[in-house]
Amino acid sequence: MPGIDGFNCSLKLRSLLGIQCPPIFMMTALDDRDSIYRSFDVGITDYLVKPIN
C-alpha cells in the first residue's frame, strides 16, 4: 500500500474503531518470525504468507 504498511494500518484501524473493529487478516510475503510477532502485537487477527495454494 502506498504511504502506509499493513502494520501501521492495523494500528490506525484499531485506534479509530476500538472494540468494534472487524478482524484484520494480513497477507504478505514476509515470513520471518519478527514480522509475524509484530503483526500480532499491532492487532492483526491472522497472518497469511504468500503464495497460498
PDB file of N, CA and C in Angstrom:
ATOM      1  N   MET A   1       0.851  -1.172   0.000  1.00  0.00           N
ATOM      2  CA  MET A   1       0.000   0.000   0.000  1.00  0.00           C
ATOM      3  C   MET A   1       0.898   1.236   0.000  1.00  0.00           C
ATOM      4  N   PRO A   2       0.642   2.151  -0.877  1.00  0.00           N
ATOM      5  CA  PRO A   2       1.473   3.352  -0.921  1.00  0.00           C
ATOM      6  C   PRO A   2       1.281   4.217   0.326  1.00  0.00           C
ATOM      7  N   GLY A   3       2.385   4.614   0.947  1.00  0.00           N
ATOM      8  CA  GLY A   3       2.327   5.554   2.056  1.00  0.00           C
ATOM      9  C   GLY A   3       2.157   4.945   3.434  1.00  0.00           C
ATOM     10  N   ILE A   4       1.694   3.710   3.539  1.00  0.00           N
ATOM     11  CA  ILE A   4       1.490   3.093   4.851  1.00  0.00           C
ATOM     12  C   ILE A   4       1.612   1.577   4.698  1.00  0.00           C
ATOM     13  N   ASP A   5       2.213   0.952   5.684  1.00  0.00           N
ATOM     14  CA  ASP A   5       2.316  -0.510   5.618  1.00  0.00           C
ATOM     15  C   ASP A   5       1.171  -1.150   6.417  1.00  0.00           C
ATOM     16  N   GLY A   6       1.049  -2.438   6.306  1.00  0.00           N
ATOM     17  CA  GLY A   6      -0.042  -3.153   6.963  1.00  0.00           C
ATOM     18  C   GLY A   6       0.003  -3.057   8.475  1.00  0.00           C
ATOM     19  N   PHE A   7       1.205  -2.986   9.041  1.00  0.00           N
ATOM     20  CA  PHE A   7       1.340  -2.881  10.491  1.00  0.00           C
ATOM     21  C   PHE A   7       0.753  -1.560  10.992  1.00  0.00           C
ATOM     22  N   ASN A   8       1.145  -0.454  10.347  1.00  0.00           N
ATOM     23  CA  ASN A   8       0.640   0.859  10.762  1.00  0.00           C
ATOM     24  C   ASN A   8      -0.842   1.016  10.449  1.00  0.00           C
ATOM     25  N   CYS A   9      -1.292   0.438   9.353  1.00  0.00           N
ATOM     26  CA  CYS A   9      -2.709   0.484   9.010  1.00  0.00           C
ATOM     27  C   CYS A   9      -3.539  -0.212  10.087  1.00  0.00           C
ATOM     28  N   SER A  10      -3.068  -1.349  10.550  1.00  0.00           N
ATOM     29  CA  SER A  10      -3.765  -2.075  11.612  1.00  0.00           C
ATOM     30  C   SER A  10      -3.827  -1.250  12.893  1.00  0.00           C
ATOM     31  N   LEU A  11      -2.713  -0.617  13.247  1.00  0.00           N
ATOM     32  CA  LEU A  11      -2.700   0.229  14.440  1.00  0.00           C
ATOM     33  C   LEU A  11      -3.718   1.355  14.337  1.00  0.00           C
ATOM     34  N   LYS A  12      -3.784   2.007  13.170  1.00  0.00           N
ATOM     35  CA  LYS A  12      -4.730   3.109  12.976  1.00  0.00           C
ATOM     36  C   LYS A  12      -6.176   2.627  13.055  1.00  0.00           C
ATOM     37  N   LEU A  13      -6.470   1.501  12.403  1.00  0.00           N
ATOM     38  CA  LEU A  13      -7.829   0.960  12.457  1.00  0.00           C
ATOM     39  C   LEU A  13      -8.235   0.620  13.880  1.00  0.00           C
ATOM     40  N   ARG A  14      -7.357  -0.046  14.609  1.00  0.00           N
ATOM     41  CA  ARG A  14      -7.657  -0.429  15.996  1.00  0.00           C
ATOM     42  C   ARG A  14      -7.865   0.809  16.866  1.00  0.00           C
ATOM     43  N   SER A  15      -7.073   1.857  16.655  1.00  0.00           N
ATOM     44  CA  SER A  15      -7.216   3.058  17.479  1.00  0.00           C
ATOM     45  C   SER A  15      -8.483   3.834  17.128  1.00  0.00           C
ATOM     46  N   LEU A  16      -8.886   3.822  15.855  1.00  0.00           N
ATOM     47  CA  LEU A  16     -10.093   4.538  15.447  1.00  0.00           C
ATOM     48  C   LEU A  16     -11.376   3.805  15.822  1.00  0.00           C
ATOM     49  N   LEU A  17     -11.376   2.481  15.662  1.00  0.00           N
ATOM     50  CA  LEU A  17     -12.603   1.710  15.833  1.00  0.00           C
ATOM     51  C   LEU A  17     -12.707   0.990  17.169  1.00  0.00           C
ATOM     52  N   GLY A  18     -11.621   0.846  17.881  1.00  0.00           N
ATOM     53  CA  GLY A  18     -11.633   0.186  19.184  1.00  0.00           C
ATOM     54  C   GLY A  18     -12.143  -1.238  19.100  1.00  0.00           C
ATOM     55  N   ILE A  19     -13.025  -1.592  20.029  1.00  0.00           N
ATOM     56  CA  ILE A  19     -13.516  -2.974  20.078  1.00  0.00           C
ATOM     57  C   ILE A  19     -14.481  -3.290  18.943  1.00  0.00           C
ATOM     58  N   GLN A  20     -14.959  -2.275  18.229  1.00  0.00           N
ATOM     59  CA  GLN A  20     -15.869  -2.507  17.108  1.00  0.00           C
ATOM     60  C   GLN A  20     -15.122  -2.811  15.812  1.00  0.00           C
ATOM     61  N   CYS A  21     -13.810  -2.866  15.881  1.00  0.00           N
ATOM     62  CA  CYS A  21     -13.004  -3.130  14.689  1.00  0.00           C
ATOM     63  C   CYS A  21     -13.197  -4.577  14.243  1.00  0.00           C
ATOM     64  N   PRO A  22     -13.433  -4.786  12.961  1.00  0.00           N
ATOM     65  CA  PRO A  22     -13.574  -6.162  12.454  1.00  0.00           C
ATOM     66  C   PRO A  22     -12.228  -6.887  12.491  1.00  0.00           C
ATOM     67  N   PRO A  23     -12.231  -8.205  12.335  1.00  0.00           N
ATOM     68  CA  PRO A  23     -10.964  -8.940  12.277  1.00  0.00           C
ATOM     69  C   PRO A  23     -10.097  -8.434  11.120  1.00  0.00           C
ATOM     70  N   ILE A  24      -8.807  -8.382  11.345  1.00  0.00           N
ATOM     71  CA  ILE A  24      -7.859  -7.920  10.338  1.00  0.00           C
ATOM     72  C   ILE A  24      -6.941  -9.080   9.977  1.00  0.00           C
ATOM     73  N   PHE A  25      -6.923  -9.434   8.697  1.00  0.00           N
ATOM     74  CA  PHE A  25      -6.067 -10.502   8.200  1.00  0.00           C
ATOM     75  C   PHE A  25      -4.966  -9.882   7.345  1.00  0.00           C
ATOM     76  N   MET A  26      -3.753 -10.324   7.536  1.00  0.00           N
ATOM     77  CA  MET A  26      -2.621  -9.798   6.785  1.00  0.00           C
ATOM     78  C   MET A  26      -2.115 -10.878   5.833  1.00  0.00           C
ATOM     79  N   MET A  27      -2.029 -10.543   4.550  1.00  0.00           N
ATOM     80  CA  MET A  27      -1.457 -11.441   3.551  1.00  0.00           C
ATOM     81  C   MET A  27      -0.188 -10.780   3.016  1.00  0.00           C
ATOM     82  N   THR A  28       0.937 -11.453   3.186  1.00  0.00           N
ATOM     83  CA  THR A  28       2.216 -10.848   2.867  1.00  0.00           C
ATOM     84  C   THR A  28       3.242 -11.898   2.458  1.00  0.00           C
ATOM     85  N   ALA A  29       4.319 -11.450   1.877  1.00  0.00           N
ATOM     86  CA  ALA A  29       5.435 -12.339   1.553  1.00  0.00           C
ATOM     87  C   ALA A  29       6.444 -12.397   2.695  1.00  0.00           C
ATOM     88  N   LEU A  30       6.259 -11.563   3.722  1.00  0.00           N
ATOM     89  CA  LEU A  30       7.177 -11.558   4.866  1.00  0.00           C
ATOM     90  C   LEU A  30       6.925 -12.797   5.723  1.00  0.00           C
ATOM     91  N   ASP A  31       7.907 -13.683   5.772  1.00  0.00           N
ATOM     92  CA  ASP A  31       7.708 -14.907   6.538  1.00  0.00           C
ATOM     93  C   ASP A  31       8.683 -15.056   7.702  1.00  0.00           C
ATOM     94  N   ASP A  32       9.365 -13.964   8.058  1.00  0.00           N
ATOM     95  CA  ASP A  32      10.295 -14.034   9.182  1.00  0.00           C
ATOM     96  C   ASP A  32       9.539 -13.931  10.510  1.00  0.00           C
ATOM     97  N   ARG A  33      10.121 -14.489  11.523  1.00  0.00           N
ATOM     98  CA  ARG A  33       9.481 -14.574  12.838  1.00  0.00           C
ATOM     99  C   ARG A  33       9.169 -13.191  13.416  1.00  0.00           C
ATOM    100  N   ASP A  34      10.062 -12.221  13.227  1.00  0.00           N
ATOM    101  CA  ASP A  34       9.840 -10.877  13.763  1.00  0.00           C
ATOM    102  C   ASP A  34       8.596 -10.227  13.159  1.00  0.00           C
ATOM    103  N   SER A  35       8.380 -10.391  11.868  1.00  0.00           N
ATOM    104  CA  SER A  35       7.195  -9.818  11.215  1.00  0.00           C
ATOM    105  C   SER A  35       5.917 -10.475  11.718  1.00  0.00           C
ATOM    106  N   ILE A  36       5.970 -11.775  11.914  1.00  0.00           N
ATOM    107  CA  ILE A  36       4.793 -12.490  12.413  1.00  0.00           C
ATOM    108  C   ILE A  36       4.456 -12.026  13.824  1.00  0.00           C
ATOM    109  N   TYR A  37       5.446 -11.959  14.708  1.00  0.00           N
ATOM    110  CA  TYR A  37       5.199 -11.498  16.078  1.00  0.00           C
ATOM    111  C   TYR A  37       4.728 -10.047  16.092  1.00  0.00           C
ATOM    112  N   ARG A  38       5.340  -9.211  15.263  1.00  0.00           N
ATOM    113  CA  ARG A  38       4.943  -7.795  15.207  1.00  0.00           C
ATOM    114  C   ARG A  38       3.487  -7.653  14.777  1.00  0.00           C
ATOM    115  N   SER A  39       3.053  -8.493  13.826  1.00  0.00           N
ATOM    116  CA  SER A  39       1.673  -8.396  13.349  1.00  0.00           C
ATOM    117  C   SER A  39       0.679  -8.641  14.476  1.00  0.00           C
ATOM    118  N   PHE A  40       0.946  -9.622  15.317  1.00  0.00           N
ATOM    119  CA  PHE A  40       0.032  -9.890  16.426  1.00  0.00           C
ATOM    120  C   PHE A  40       0.131  -8.809  17.497  1.00  0.00           C
ATOM    121  N   ASP A  41       1.303  -8.203  17.661  1.00  0.00           N
ATOM    122  CA  ASP A  41       1.465  -7.103  18.614  1.00  0.00           C
ATOM    123  C   ASP A  41       0.637  -5.886  18.221  1.00  0.00           C
ATOM    124  N   VAL A  42       0.440  -5.653  16.923  1.00  0.00           N
ATOM    125  CA  VAL A  42      -0.314  -4.476  16.471  1.00  0.00           C
ATOM    126  C   VAL A  42      -1.794  -4.776  16.230  1.00  0.00           C
ATOM    127  N   GLY A  43      -2.233  -5.998  16.545  1.00  0.00           N
ATOM    128  CA  GLY A  43      -3.663  -6.290  16.477  1.00  0.00           C
ATOM    129  C   GLY A  43      -4.137  -7.054  15.266  1.00  0.00           C
ATOM    130  N   ILE A  44      -3.229  -7.589  14.467  1.00  0.00           N
ATOM    131  CA  ILE A  44      -3.637  -8.412  13.330  1.00  0.00           C
ATOM    132  C   ILE A  44      -4.275  -9.687  13.874  1.00  0.00           C
ATOM    133  N   THR A  45      -5.414 -10.083  13.321  1.00  0.00           N
ATOM    134  CA  THR A  45      -6.124 -11.272  13.782  1.00  0.00           C
ATOM    135  C   THR A  45      -5.453 -12.548  13.296  1.00  0.00           C
ATOM    136  N   ASP A  46      -5.078 -12.591  12.033  1.00  0.00           N
ATOM    137  CA  ASP A  46      -4.397 -13.761  11.490  1.00  0.00           C
ATOM    138  C   ASP A  46      -3.432 -13.323  10.400  1.00  0.00           C
ATOM    139  N   TYR A  47      -2.408 -14.120  10.176  1.00  0.00           N
ATOM    140  CA  TYR A  47      -1.280 -13.778   9.314  1.00  0.00           C
ATOM    141  C   TYR A  47      -1.124 -14.870   8.270  1.00  0.00           C
ATOM    142  N   LEU A  48      -1.241 -14.515   6.998  1.00  0.00           N
ATOM    143  CA  LEU A  48      -1.130 -15.478   5.904  1.00  0.00           C
ATOM    144  C   LEU A  48       0.082 -15.126   5.050  1.00  0.00           C
ATOM    145  N   VAL A  49       0.924 -16.123   4.795  1.00  0.00           N
ATOM    146  CA  VAL A  49       2.132 -15.897   3.997  1.00  0.00           C
ATOM    147  C   VAL A  49       1.880 -16.348   2.566  1.00  0.00           C
ATOM    148  N   LYS A  50       2.204 -15.459   1.587  1.00  0.00           N
ATOM    149  CA  LYS A  50       2.064 -15.795   0.170  1.00  0.00           C
ATOM    150  C   LYS A  50       3.243 -16.638  -0.272  1.00  0.00           C
ATOM    151  N   PRO A  51       3.159 -17.448  -1.248  1.00  0.00           N
ATOM    152  CA  PRO A  51       1.947 -17.756  -2.004  1.00  0.00           C
ATOM    153  C   PRO A  51       1.066 -18.747  -1.249  1.00  0.00           C
ATOM    154  N   ILE A  52      -0.218 -18.628  -1.481  1.00  0.00           N
ATOM    155  CA  ILE A  52      -1.197 -19.528  -0.872  1.00  0.00           C
ATOM    156  C   ILE A  52      -1.668 -20.480  -1.950  1.00  0.00           C
ATOM    157  N   ASN A  53      -1.567 -21.745  -1.685  1.00  0.00           N
ATOM    158  CA  ASN A  53      -2.009 -22.760  -2.648  1.00  0.00           C
ATOM    159  C   ASN A  53      -3.404 -23.256  -2.298  1.00  0.00           C
TER     160      ASN A  53
END
